[in-house]
Amino acid sequence: LTNEIELLLHAVRLRSQSLRVNPEWISLRAWIEGRAHKWKSILGSEASLEIEGNLSRPIYADPSLLDLILGNLLENSRKFSIQKPKVKIFIQQTQRKAFRWLGVKPRFELVVQDAGLGFRRNQNRAVFKRFYRTHPHIPGTGLGLYLCASAAKAQGFSLRGDSLGPNLGARFTLSGKL
C-alpha cells in the first residue's frame, strides 16, 4: 500500500508540475553499480541482474528521478516475470544526426531488458498512459510506466518501450543528450 500511495503522490506532483528537478553530473555506470544491491533485493534472491557498457562522459540528470525510473522498471521486471527475473541493463553512447548544419549529437541510452510477460507490439505507446495496464490479473495501479515517462520528460529525456509480443519480455530505453 505504501508503494501505491507514493506512486499516486508522484503522479499528482508530475501532473501539477510541482516536481522539482535537481540535476547533477552522474557517472551512469558507477551510479547504477552503487544501487545494484538495492535493485537485486527488489528483484529477489533468485534473480539475475547484469550490467553492461559504459559512457565516455557523465550525464546531467536528477538522481532521485533516475532512481524512480529504474526502480519502477526493475519492479515491473519482477512483477511480470515468468520464472526467476532475468534483467540486463545496457549503457551505451549513440549518435543522432540532427540537421545537416548541426552535425552529429552524442546521446546516451540506458536499456532495461527482461525476459518476462512482455506485451503486444501495438501497446508500445499505450503502456505509458496513466492507469493503463497490460496484465489486469496482476496487481498494480497502472501508474508506474506513466511516472517513468513523466520523470524522463521532466529531465529532457525520452523513454520508449517495446516487446516482441506476449511472453517474450520487454525492453525499455531511456535516452538523452550527453
Protein backbone atom coordinates (compact mmCIF):
# COMPACT_ATOMS: atom_id res chain seq x y z
CA LEU A 1 0.00 0.00 0.00
CA THR A 2 2.86 2.41 0.79
CA ASN A 3 4.29 1.99 -2.70
CA GLU A 4 0.91 2.72 -4.31
CA ILE A 5 0.50 5.87 -2.21
CA GLU A 6 3.99 7.03 -3.20
CA LEU A 7 3.14 6.42 -6.87
CA LEU A 8 -0.04 8.46 -6.54
CA LEU A 9 1.83 11.32 -4.86
CA HIS A 10 4.46 11.32 -7.61
CA ALA A 11 1.69 11.30 -10.24
CA VAL A 12 -0.01 14.31 -8.64
CA ARG A 13 3.28 16.22 -8.43
CA LEU A 14 4.15 15.47 -12.04
CA ARG A 15 0.65 16.36 -13.23
CA SER A 16 0.68 19.67 -11.33
CA GLN A 17 4.29 20.30 -12.45
CA SER A 18 5.32 20.94 -8.86
CA LEU A 19 8.00 18.28 -9.06
CA ARG A 20 11.44 19.82 -8.77
CA VAL A 21 14.20 18.54 -11.00
CA ASN A 22 17.60 18.72 -9.31
CA PRO A 23 20.12 17.54 -11.90
CA GLU A 24 23.76 16.87 -11.26
CA TRP A 25 26.60 15.26 -13.21
CA ILE A 26 26.39 11.48 -12.84
CA SER A 27 28.79 8.79 -13.99
CA LEU A 28 25.99 6.45 -15.05
CA ARG A 29 27.78 3.10 -14.78
CA ALA A 30 29.16 3.86 -11.30
CA TRP A 31 25.77 5.22 -10.19
CA ILE A 32 24.00 2.06 -11.35
CA GLU A 33 26.59 -0.24 -9.76
CA GLY A 34 26.18 1.69 -6.50
CA ARG A 35 22.48 0.79 -6.48
CA ALA A 36 22.72 -2.75 -7.87
CA HIS A 37 22.49 -4.32 -4.40
CA LYS A 38 19.25 -2.44 -3.67
CA TRP A 39 17.79 -3.40 -7.05
CA LYS A 40 18.79 -7.06 -6.65
CA SER A 41 16.77 -7.08 -3.43
CA ILE A 42 13.78 -5.67 -5.39
CA LEU A 43 14.15 -8.45 -7.97
CA GLY A 44 14.57 -11.19 -5.36
CA SER A 45 17.36 -13.53 -4.32
CA GLU A 46 16.84 -15.89 -7.28
CA ALA A 47 17.03 -13.09 -9.86
CA SER A 48 19.76 -12.34 -12.34
CA LEU A 49 20.86 -8.73 -12.92
CA GLU A 50 23.58 -7.98 -15.47
CA ILE A 51 25.05 -4.55 -16.20
CA GLU A 52 26.91 -3.96 -19.46
CA GLY A 53 28.51 -0.98 -21.17
CA ASN A 54 29.62 2.48 -20.14
CA LEU A 55 29.73 6.07 -21.33
CA SER A 56 32.73 8.23 -22.10
CA ARG A 57 31.34 11.09 -20.02
CA PRO A 58 28.76 11.75 -17.31
CA ILE A 59 25.12 12.62 -17.88
CA TYR A 60 23.28 15.59 -16.36
CA ALA A 61 20.31 14.08 -14.55
CA ASP A 62 18.35 14.11 -11.32
CA PRO A 63 19.46 11.03 -9.34
CA SER A 64 16.14 10.74 -7.48
CA LEU A 65 14.20 10.73 -10.77
CA LEU A 66 16.61 8.21 -12.29
CA ASP A 67 16.07 6.06 -9.21
CA LEU A 68 12.30 6.36 -9.66
CA ILE A 69 12.58 5.32 -13.33
CA LEU A 70 14.93 2.37 -12.83
CA GLY A 71 13.22 1.27 -9.61
CA ASN A 72 9.85 1.08 -11.39
CA LEU A 73 11.29 -0.70 -14.42
CA LEU A 74 13.00 -3.29 -12.22
CA GLU A 75 9.91 -3.71 -10.04
CA ASN A 76 7.93 -4.39 -13.23
CA SER A 77 10.56 -6.92 -14.32
CA ARG A 78 10.00 -8.74 -11.03
CA LYS A 79 6.22 -8.41 -11.09
CA PHE A 80 5.82 -9.58 -14.69
CA SER A 81 8.48 -12.30 -14.71
CA ILE A 82 7.51 -15.74 -15.91
CA GLN A 83 10.04 -17.54 -13.71
CA LYS A 84 13.04 -16.09 -11.91
CA PRO A 85 13.53 -12.48 -13.03
CA LYS A 86 16.33 -12.10 -15.55
CA VAL A 87 17.24 -8.49 -16.26
CA LYS A 88 20.00 -6.88 -18.31
CA ILE A 89 20.91 -3.20 -18.14
CA PHE A 90 22.83 -1.86 -21.14
CA ILE A 91 24.53 1.54 -21.12
CA GLN A 92 25.65 2.87 -24.47
CA GLN A 93 26.56 6.01 -26.30
CA THR A 94 24.86 6.67 -29.61
CA GLN A 95 24.89 9.48 -32.11
CA ARG A 96 21.90 11.16 -33.61
CA LYS A 97 22.22 13.26 -36.70
CA ALA A 98 20.30 16.46 -36.26
CA PHE A 99 20.11 18.89 -39.14
CA ARG A 100 23.00 18.76 -41.58
CA TRP A 101 24.46 22.05 -40.34
CA LEU A 102 24.28 20.99 -36.69
CA GLY A 103 26.28 17.81 -37.18
CA VAL A 104 26.06 14.71 -35.04
CA LYS A 105 24.89 14.96 -31.43
CA PRO A 106 26.13 12.37 -28.91
CA ARG A 107 23.41 10.74 -26.81
CA PHE A 108 23.21 8.12 -24.12
CA GLU A 109 20.91 5.12 -23.98
CA LEU A 110 20.10 3.17 -20.87
CA VAL A 111 18.29 -0.04 -21.79
CA VAL A 112 16.49 -2.28 -19.30
CA GLN A 113 15.59 -5.63 -20.84
CA ASP A 114 13.81 -8.53 -19.17
CA ALA A 115 12.54 -11.99 -20.06
CA GLY A 116 9.05 -11.58 -18.59
CA LEU A 117 5.48 -11.47 -19.83
CA GLY A 118 6.08 -8.65 -22.31
CA PHE A 119 3.16 -7.09 -24.16
CA ARG A 120 1.62 -6.92 -27.63
CA ARG A 121 3.60 -4.88 -30.16
CA ASN A 122 0.74 -2.45 -30.67
CA GLN A 123 0.84 -1.50 -26.96
CA ASN A 124 4.33 0.08 -27.03
CA ARG A 125 2.94 3.61 -26.60
CA ALA A 126 -0.15 2.77 -24.60
CA VAL A 127 1.89 1.29 -21.73
CA PHE A 128 2.93 4.84 -20.76
CA LYS A 129 -0.64 6.13 -20.36
CA ARG A 130 -1.90 6.86 -16.88
CA PHE A 131 -3.77 3.87 -15.38
CA TYR A 132 -3.07 1.67 -18.42
CA ARG A 133 -2.48 -1.98 -17.54
CA THR A 134 -1.33 -4.69 -19.92
CA HIS A 135 -1.97 -7.54 -17.49
CA PRO A 136 -5.04 -6.73 -15.33
CA HIS A 137 -4.77 -10.07 -13.48
CA ILE A 138 -1.51 -8.88 -11.85
CA PRO A 139 -1.89 -6.35 -9.00
CA GLY A 140 -0.88 -2.78 -9.80
CA THR A 141 -2.12 0.77 -10.30
CA GLY A 142 -1.19 1.43 -13.92
CA LEU A 143 0.89 4.42 -12.80
CA GLY A 144 4.45 3.07 -12.83
CA LEU A 145 5.33 3.49 -16.50
CA TYR A 146 3.37 6.74 -16.69
CA LEU A 147 5.57 8.08 -13.88
CA CYS A 148 8.72 6.78 -15.55
CA ALA A 149 7.87 8.54 -18.82
CA SER A 150 6.90 11.75 -16.97
CA ALA A 151 10.13 11.72 -14.93
CA ALA A 152 12.13 11.16 -18.13
CA LYS A 153 10.35 14.03 -19.90
CA ALA A 154 10.87 16.37 -16.93
CA GLN A 155 14.63 15.89 -17.44
CA GLY A 156 14.53 16.33 -21.22
CA PHE A 157 14.93 12.59 -21.82
CA SER A 158 12.74 10.15 -23.69
CA LEU A 159 11.55 6.70 -22.67
CA ARG A 160 10.30 4.12 -25.11
CA GLY A 161 9.19 0.57 -24.63
CA ASP A 162 8.92 -2.39 -26.91
CA SER A 163 8.26 -6.08 -26.80
CA LEU A 164 8.24 -8.76 -29.46
CA GLY A 165 4.96 -9.97 -28.01
CA PRO A 166 3.39 -11.78 -25.07
CA ASN A 167 5.81 -13.94 -23.05
CA LEU A 168 8.81 -12.55 -24.98
CA GLY A 169 9.99 -9.99 -22.44
CA ALA A 170 10.08 -6.21 -22.55
CA ARG A 171 12.74 -3.65 -23.33
CA PHE A 172 12.67 -0.04 -22.14
CA THR A 173 15.13 2.55 -23.42
CA LEU A 174 15.84 5.83 -21.64
CA SER A 175 17.77 8.24 -23.84
CA GLY A 176 19.02 11.80 -23.73
CA LYS A 177 21.75 14.24 -24.65
CA LEU A 178 25.27 13.79 -23.41
